Amino acid sequence: MNCEKIPTFRLRNRISFCAIYSIVEAIFAPAVPSAFQLLSVNRHSFVDTSVPVLRSLSHMNSRSLRRFIVVVILLAAIKPVRSEQPSLHSHREFKIGVLVSLTGSWNSLGQNTVAALQLANEQLQAEAKAEHGGYRFHLFVRDTQLDPSKALAAIQDLDKRGVKIVIGPQSSSEVAMIKPYADAHNILVISQGSTASSLAIADDNIFRFCPNDMREAEAIVALMWHDGIRTIVPLWRNDAGNNGLHDSVKADFEKLGGTVTTGYQYQPITTEFSAATTSVASQISTLLIAGADPDSVGIYLAAFDEVVGVFHSAANNSILSSARWYGSDGVALSAALVGDSDAAAFAASAGYPNPTFGLPDALQNLWQPVA
């Protein structure tokens, strides 16, 4: 793969708006290219970085067309045409469920999602009042804490309240948990953060507006290969999304002729990471003893906010402190990471780029006002 032919994309803002503007893209430009930006971390904040990224170009296929049609139908349902009588819409209420992590891991995306939806809600209601005498959108926000069982309980509660459209949940493990219920009860689920390719199932009730793990893997693997990495030691969270990332990264890296070690998979409830970091360090040590160039070995970490605990543990190991680390979208723009000075310092010294969904310049007039 010739990385010189891969376009570059500069990070222009610090806030992730995948939650709302992925939907905007589906409405206004369903065939625009998708991209992943690669972010680096410094001691105090995410910094603007120009690096190679993989931009996937494709024409609208049948699934994209179906997504577009569904969103148009949704808009038709909630935004009456100007010719209709105001009395038909006055005081009408539309119920929208919102399943996000507000106090659990990856809460930066959850909080941004709610903020974006509140802005959209205010704007739509103002327009409706001016045009038709007013109708209301009721956002039923539920904090899942990134816990699949809580996500299931939340959608069951929303169903009892008559909610048939849900924004979120943000993780693939949550989507996998609620999918059978959503399909059985005809609830439309629109996830802003799920990437697991295993959930790309035709004709179900789940729609996702982020590229899947295969696209993300292409981006991060292209960067690692460009950086001279030829062996990676993976460290990843055992859930649907991060398992998918591990599998896709492994497949793509090996296609290029690279080597992927056994690595270490940890459970979502893990809070102490000495076993994980000791295993990764041991695998790197074995590679170095066998003659591997230290500059050709990298660590691929697919995680969420527990990255802070991982880096606290890794900082005590000289092998891990001198290694190059690469990450996943679940950590890009993580408030937990930048809010911890020790973990952020470790990330900065390790480089630690993370891919995230890229907003196209063509739609800058839409996202810039709230960036």
Protein backbone atom coordinates (compact mmCIF):
# COMPACT_ATOMS: atom_id res chain seq x y z
CA MET A 1 0.00 0.00 0.00
CA ASN A 2 1.42 3.36 -1.02
CA CYS A 3 0.64 5.77 1.81
CA GLU A 4 1.79 8.71 -0.27
CA LYS A 5 -1.43 8.31 -2.27
CA ILE A 6 -3.61 8.42 0.83
CA PRO A 7 -5.19 11.88 1.29
CA THR A 8 -4.49 13.87 4.44
CA PHE A 9 -7.20 15.36 6.62
CA ARG A 10 -6.59 17.97 9.30
CA LEU A 11 -8.42 17.99 12.60
CA ARG A 12 -10.26 21.31 12.77
CA ASN A 13 -12.21 21.05 16.00
CA ARG A 14 -11.93 19.28 19.34
CA ILE A 15 -15.51 18.11 19.75
CA SER A 16 -16.85 14.90 18.23
CA PHE A 17 -20.13 15.53 16.44
CA CYS A 18 -20.51 12.03 14.99
CA ALA A 19 -23.77 11.83 16.94
CA ILE A 20 -25.73 14.41 14.96
CA TYR A 21 -23.77 15.20 11.84
CA SER A 22 -23.57 11.62 10.67
CA ILE A 23 -27.33 11.88 10.44
CA VAL A 24 -27.02 15.24 8.67
CA GLU A 25 -24.72 13.59 6.13
CA ALA A 26 -27.21 10.81 5.53
CA ILE A 27 -29.93 13.39 4.89
CA PHE A 28 -28.10 15.91 2.74
CA ALA A 29 -25.23 13.96 1.19
CA PRO A 30 -25.64 10.19 1.55
CA ALA A 31 -22.94 9.44 -1.00
CA VAL A 32 -20.19 11.70 0.39
CA PRO A 33 -16.88 9.96 1.15
CA SER A 34 -16.35 8.74 4.69
CA ALA A 35 -13.02 9.33 6.37
CA PHE A 36 -11.18 8.62 9.56
CA GLN A 37 -9.04 11.30 11.14
CA LEU A 38 -6.09 10.29 13.27
CA LEU A 39 -5.62 12.21 16.48
CA SER A 40 -2.62 12.62 18.73
CA VAL A 41 -2.61 13.59 22.38
CA ASN A 42 -0.38 16.06 24.16
CA ARG A 43 -0.13 16.61 27.90
CA HIS A 44 -3.15 18.87 28.22
CA SER A 45 -5.34 18.48 25.15
CA PHE A 46 -5.76 16.95 21.73
CA VAL A 47 -3.62 18.74 19.20
CA ASP A 48 -4.17 19.45 15.51
CA THR A 49 -2.24 16.90 13.51
CA SER A 50 -1.95 16.27 9.77
CA VAL A 51 -1.37 12.56 9.16
CA PRO A 52 -2.25 10.09 6.42
CA VAL A 53 -5.74 8.67 6.66
CA LEU A 54 -7.69 6.28 4.51
CA ARG A 55 -10.69 7.83 2.80
CA SER A 56 -13.23 5.30 1.55
CA LEU A 57 -15.02 6.23 -1.63
CA SER A 58 -18.17 4.43 -2.67
CA HIS A 59 -21.38 5.04 -4.55
CA MET A 60 -24.67 4.75 -2.75
CA ASN A 61 -25.50 1.06 -2.49
CA SER A 62 -28.86 -0.47 -1.65
CA ARG A 63 -28.26 -0.27 2.10
CA SER A 64 -27.21 3.40 1.89
CA LEU A 65 -30.28 4.12 -0.18
CA ARG A 66 -32.45 2.35 2.39
CA ARG A 67 -30.90 4.44 5.16
CA PHE A 68 -31.56 7.59 3.21
CA ILE A 69 -35.17 6.65 2.56
CA VAL A 70 -35.73 5.84 6.25
CA VAL A 71 -34.32 9.20 7.36
CA VAL A 72 -36.46 11.03 4.79
CA ILE A 73 -39.51 9.18 6.10
CA LEU A 74 -38.58 10.21 9.63
CA LEU A 75 -38.28 13.82 8.58
CA ALA A 76 -41.59 13.62 6.78
CA ALA A 77 -43.17 12.27 9.94
CA ILE A 78 -41.85 15.04 12.16
CA LYS A 79 -41.79 18.04 9.82
CA PRO A 80 -45.16 18.77 8.18
CA VAL A 81 -45.28 20.51 4.81
CA ARG A 82 -46.08 24.20 4.69
CA SER A 83 -49.42 23.71 2.95
CA GLU A 84 -50.98 21.79 5.83
CA GLN A 85 -53.20 23.55 8.33
CA PRO A 86 -51.53 24.69 11.59
CA SER A 87 -54.35 23.19 13.62
CA LEU A 88 -53.33 19.71 12.54
CA HIS A 89 -49.94 20.06 14.21
CA SER A 90 -50.45 22.38 17.15
CA HIS A 91 -49.36 20.79 20.41
CA ARG A 92 -48.42 17.53 18.70
CA GLU A 93 -45.63 15.68 20.53
CA PHE A 94 -43.01 13.40 19.03
CA LYS A 95 -41.16 11.04 21.36
CA ILE A 96 -37.47 10.37 20.73
CA GLY A 97 -35.51 8.03 22.98
CA VAL A 98 -31.83 8.74 23.63
CA LEU A 99 -29.59 5.96 24.99
CA VAL A 100 -26.15 7.29 25.90
CA SER A 101 -23.39 6.93 28.47
CA LEU A 102 -23.50 10.07 30.61
CA THR A 103 -21.71 8.87 33.74
CA GLY A 104 -20.00 5.68 32.59
CA SER A 105 -17.10 4.99 30.25
CA TRP A 106 -16.96 6.91 26.95
CA ASN A 107 -19.23 9.59 28.44
CA SER A 108 -17.63 12.34 26.33
CA LEU A 109 -19.51 11.00 23.28
CA GLY A 110 -22.68 10.56 25.31
CA GLN A 111 -22.62 14.12 26.61
CA ASN A 112 -21.86 15.52 23.16
CA THR A 113 -24.74 13.51 21.72
CA VAL A 114 -27.23 14.98 24.17
CA ALA A 115 -25.91 18.51 23.63
CA ALA A 116 -26.21 18.17 19.84
CA LEU A 117 -29.73 16.73 20.06
CA GLN A 118 -30.83 19.51 22.41
CA LEU A 119 -29.58 22.12 19.94
CA ALA A 120 -31.42 20.38 17.11
CA ASN A 121 -34.56 20.08 19.23
CA GLU A 122 -34.58 23.80 20.06
CA GLN A 123 -34.09 24.77 16.42
CA LEU A 124 -36.78 22.43 15.08
CA GLN A 125 -39.31 23.55 17.68
CA ALA A 126 -38.60 27.20 16.92
CA GLU A 127 -39.14 26.57 13.21
CA ALA A 128 -42.30 24.60 13.89
CA LYS A 129 -43.75 27.34 16.07
CA ALA A 130 -43.08 29.95 13.40
CA GLU A 131 -44.57 27.87 10.60
CA HIS A 132 -47.38 25.87 12.15
CA GLY A 133 -48.21 27.18 15.59
CA GLY A 134 -45.91 24.75 17.32
CA TYR A 135 -45.36 21.09 18.02
CA ARG A 136 -42.98 19.51 20.48
CA PHE A 137 -40.21 16.96 20.48
CA HIS A 138 -39.78 15.13 23.75
CA LEU A 139 -36.30 13.68 24.26
CA PHE A 140 -36.35 10.74 26.67
CA VAL A 141 -32.68 10.64 27.71
CA ARG A 142 -31.46 7.52 29.51
CA ASP A 143 -27.97 7.04 30.96
CA THR A 144 -26.82 3.52 30.04
CA GLN A 145 -23.33 3.96 31.53
CA LEU A 146 -22.15 1.90 28.51
CA ASP A 147 -23.70 -1.15 30.20
CA PRO A 148 -25.56 -3.46 27.76
CA SER A 149 -27.99 -4.69 30.43
CA LYS A 150 -28.91 -1.11 31.34
CA ALA A 151 -29.38 -0.29 27.66
CA LEU A 152 -31.84 -3.18 27.35
CA ALA A 153 -33.75 -2.10 30.45
CA ALA A 154 -33.88 1.45 29.10
CA ILE A 155 -35.30 0.55 25.69
CA GLN A 156 -37.89 -1.68 27.35
CA ASP A 157 -38.95 1.27 29.52
CA LEU A 158 -39.06 3.59 26.51
CA ASP A 159 -41.22 1.10 24.64
CA LYS A 160 -43.76 1.19 27.46
CA ARG A 161 -43.84 4.99 27.10
CA GLY A 162 -44.66 4.75 23.42
CA VAL A 163 -41.21 5.59 22.08
CA LYS A 164 -40.55 4.00 18.68
CA ILE A 165 -37.46 5.94 17.57
CA VAL A 166 -34.22 5.74 19.57
CA ILE A 167 -30.93 7.59 19.07
CA GLY A 168 -28.10 5.43 20.41
CA PRO A 169 -26.81 3.43 22.12
CA GLN A 170 -23.24 4.31 21.28
CA SER A 171 -21.36 1.02 21.75
CA SER A 172 -21.66 -2.15 19.69
CA SER A 173 -22.09 -4.32 22.78
CA GLU A 174 -25.16 -2.28 23.76
CA VAL A 175 -26.56 -2.41 20.24
CA ALA A 176 -26.08 -6.18 20.15
CA MET A 177 -27.96 -6.49 23.44
CA ILE A 178 -30.99 -4.40 22.43
CA LYS A 179 -31.20 -5.55 18.80
CA PRO A 180 -33.51 -8.57 19.35
CA TYR A 181 -35.93 -6.44 21.38
CA ALA A 182 -35.87 -3.57 18.89
CA ASP A 183 -36.53 -5.92 15.98
CA ALA A 184 -39.33 -7.75 17.79
CA HIS A 185 -41.07 -4.53 18.89
CA ASN A 186 -40.47 -2.53 15.70
CA ILE A 187 -38.37 0.17 17.35
CA LEU A 188 -36.07 2.08 15.00
CA VAL A 189 -32.57 2.34 16.51
CA ILE A 190 -30.05 4.85 15.14
CA SER A 191 -26.62 4.35 16.71
CA GLN A 192 -24.10 7.16 16.54
CA GLY A 193 -21.06 5.14 17.60
CA SER A 194 -21.40 1.41 16.93
CA THR A 195 -18.71 0.09 14.56
CA ALA A 196 -18.87 -3.73 14.82
CA SER A 197 -19.12 -5.20 11.33
CA SER A 198 -20.86 -8.21 12.89
CA LEU A 199 -23.91 -5.98 13.39
CA ALA A 200 -24.22 -5.08 9.70
CA ILE A 201 -27.34 -7.20 9.22
CA ALA A 202 -29.73 -6.56 6.36
CA ASP A 203 -33.40 -5.75 6.93
CA ASP A 204 -33.22 -5.26 10.69
CA ASN A 205 -34.21 -2.19 12.72
CA ILE A 206 -30.66 -1.02 13.42
CA PHE A 207 -29.11 1.86 11.51
CA ARG A 208 -25.58 3.11 12.18
CA PHE A 209 -23.95 6.25 10.87
CA CYS A 210 -20.29 5.61 11.64
CA PRO A 211 -18.08 3.56 9.30
CA ASN A 212 -17.62 0.02 10.60
CA ASP A 213 -14.51 -1.56 12.06
CA MET A 214 -13.26 -2.65 8.63
CA ARG A 215 -12.93 0.97 7.51
CA GLU A 216 -11.33 2.02 10.78
CA ALA A 217 -8.88 -0.87 10.58
CA GLU A 218 -7.81 0.21 7.09
CA ALA A 219 -6.97 3.67 8.41
CA ILE A 220 -4.99 2.66 11.49
CA VAL A 221 -3.20 -0.20 9.71
CA ALA A 222 -2.18 2.15 6.89
CA LEU A 223 -0.69 4.51 9.46
CA MET A 224 1.15 1.78 11.37
CA TRP A 225 2.61 0.35 8.17
CA HIS A 226 3.62 3.85 7.04
CA ASP A 227 5.39 4.32 10.39
CA GLY A 228 7.47 1.20 9.82
CA ILE A 229 5.58 -1.06 12.22
CA ARG A 230 5.82 -4.68 11.10
CA THR A 231 4.72 -6.48 14.28
CA ILE A 232 1.88 -5.46 16.58
CA VAL A 233 0.97 -6.70 20.03
CA PRO A 234 -2.78 -6.14 20.50
CA LEU A 235 -4.42 -5.22 23.79
CA TRP A 236 -8.19 -4.97 23.65
CA ARG A 237 -11.45 -4.88 25.58
CA ASN A 238 -13.64 -7.98 25.28
CA ASP A 239 -16.83 -6.55 23.80
CA ALA A 240 -18.50 -6.59 20.39
CA GLY A 241 -17.01 -3.36 19.10
CA ASN A 242 -13.44 -3.79 20.26
CA ASN A 243 -13.36 -7.48 19.33
CA GLY A 244 -14.41 -6.42 15.84
CA LEU A 245 -11.64 -3.83 15.72
CA HIS A 246 -9.05 -6.36 16.85
CA ASP A 247 -10.17 -8.89 14.24
CA SER A 248 -10.23 -6.37 11.39
CA VAL A 249 -6.86 -4.85 12.31
CA LYS A 250 -5.32 -8.32 12.55
CA ALA A 251 -6.70 -9.35 9.16
CA ASP A 252 -5.57 -6.17 7.40
CA PHE A 253 -2.13 -6.12 9.00
CA GLU A 254 -1.45 -9.74 8.11
CA LYS A 255 -2.56 -9.11 4.52
CA LEU A 256 0.30 -6.63 4.25
CA GLY A 257 2.73 -9.27 5.49
CA GLY A 258 2.89 -8.08 9.09
CA THR A 259 2.82 -10.17 12.26
CA VAL A 260 0.20 -9.98 15.00
CA THR A 261 0.99 -11.68 18.30
CA THR A 262 -1.54 -13.30 20.64
CA GLY A 263 -1.81 -10.08 22.60
CA TYR A 264 -4.09 -9.76 25.62
CA GLN A 265 -7.87 -9.48 25.88
CA TYR A 266 -9.30 -8.00 29.10
CA GLN A 267 -12.84 -8.00 30.44
CA PRO A 268 -14.96 -4.80 30.46
CA ILE A 269 -15.12 -4.84 34.28
CA THR A 270 -11.31 -4.79 34.60
CA THR A 271 -9.96 -1.92 36.71
CA GLU A 272 -6.46 -3.20 37.51
CA PHE A 273 -4.29 -3.75 34.45
CA SER A 274 -1.00 -5.13 35.75
CA ALA A 275 -1.71 -8.60 34.30
CA ALA A 276 -2.51 -7.07 30.91
CA THR A 277 0.52 -4.81 30.73
CA THR A 278 2.85 -7.52 32.05
CA SER A 279 1.68 -9.87 29.30
CA VAL A 280 2.13 -7.26 26.57
CA ALA A 281 5.59 -6.35 27.85
CA SER A 282 6.58 -10.02 27.96
CA GLN A 283 5.50 -10.55 24.35
CA ILE A 284 7.51 -7.52 23.23
CA SER A 285 10.54 -8.73 25.19
CA THR A 286 10.33 -12.10 23.44
CA LEU A 287 10.25 -10.36 20.05
CA LEU A 288 13.27 -8.23 20.90
CA ILE A 289 15.27 -11.21 22.15
CA ALA A 290 14.49 -12.95 18.85
CA GLY A 291 16.06 -10.02 17.01
CA ALA A 292 13.12 -7.76 16.16
CA ASP A 293 13.90 -4.08 15.57
CA PRO A 294 12.35 -2.13 18.49
CA ASP A 295 11.15 0.53 16.03
CA SER A 296 9.21 -2.09 14.07
CA VAL A 297 7.09 -3.25 17.03
CA GLY A 298 3.92 -1.43 18.05
CA ILE A 299 1.08 -1.88 20.52
CA TYR A 300 -2.50 -1.67 19.25
CA LEU A 301 -4.98 -0.75 22.01
CA ALA A 302 -8.74 -0.97 21.38
CA ALA A 303 -10.41 0.48 24.47
CA PHE A 304 -12.67 3.08 26.03
CA ASP A 305 -11.98 5.34 29.04
CA GLU A 306 -10.20 2.52 30.90
CA VAL A 307 -7.22 3.59 28.79
CA VAL A 308 -6.35 5.77 31.80
CA GLY A 309 -5.83 2.70 33.98
CA VAL A 310 -3.91 0.95 31.22
CA PHE A 311 -1.48 3.85 30.90
CA HIS A 312 -1.05 4.17 34.66
CA SER A 313 0.06 0.55 34.71
CA ALA A 314 2.17 0.79 31.54
CA ALA A 315 4.06 3.82 32.82
CA ASN A 316 5.80 1.61 35.37
CA ASN A 317 7.28 -0.64 32.68
CA SER A 318 10.33 0.53 30.71
CA ILE A 319 9.50 -1.66 27.70
CA LEU A 320 5.99 -0.24 27.40
CA SER A 321 7.12 3.32 28.07
CA SER A 322 9.48 3.20 25.10
CA ALA A 323 7.06 1.44 22.73
CA ARG A 324 4.85 3.09 20.13
CA TRP A 325 1.12 2.84 20.83
CA TYR A 326 -1.84 3.09 18.45
CA GLY A 327 -5.49 3.37 19.41
CA SER A 328 -9.14 3.22 18.38
CA ASP A 329 -12.14 5.52 17.97
CA GLY A 330 -13.36 4.69 21.49
CA VAL A 331 -10.56 6.81 22.95
CA ALA A 332 -10.46 9.64 20.39
CA LEU A 333 -11.44 12.87 22.17
CA SER A 334 -11.74 11.06 25.50
CA ALA A 335 -12.31 13.56 28.30
CA ALA A 336 -11.14 10.96 30.82
CA LEU A 337 -7.74 10.68 29.13
CA VAL A 338 -7.04 14.37 28.69
CA GLY A 339 -8.33 14.99 32.20
CA ASP A 340 -5.69 12.75 33.76
CA SER A 341 -2.28 14.44 33.57
CA ASP A 342 -0.24 11.27 34.10
CA ALA A 343 -2.13 9.21 31.51
CA ALA A 344 -2.13 12.12 29.05
CA ALA A 345 1.62 12.54 29.48
CA PHE A 346 2.16 8.86 28.75
CA ALA A 347 -0.06 9.09 25.65
CA ALA A 348 1.85 12.10 24.39
CA SER A 349 5.21 10.38 24.80
CA ALA A 350 3.90 7.25 23.05
CA GLY A 351 2.41 9.21 20.13
CA TYR A 352 -0.84 7.26 20.41
CA PRO A 353 -2.92 8.35 17.37
CA ASN A 354 -6.62 7.39 17.43
CA PRO A 355 -8.95 7.28 14.41
CA THR A 356 -12.32 8.99 14.53
CA PHE A 357 -15.07 9.79 12.07
CA GLY A 358 -14.15 12.76 9.85
CA LEU A 359 -16.59 15.54 9.04
CA PRO A 360 -16.33 16.55 5.37
CA ASP A 361 -15.27 20.06 4.42
CA ALA A 362 -18.22 20.21 2.02
CA LEU A 363 -20.58 20.33 5.03
CA GLN A 364 -18.52 22.77 7.07
CA ASN A 365 -21.31 25.36 6.98
CA LEU A 366 -23.46 22.88 8.92
CA TRP A 367 -21.04 21.75 11.63
CA GLN A 368 -18.81 24.80 12.03
CA PRO A 369 -21.40 26.94 13.91
CA VAL A 370 -21.45 24.45 16.78
CA ALA A 371 -17.81 23.37 16.63
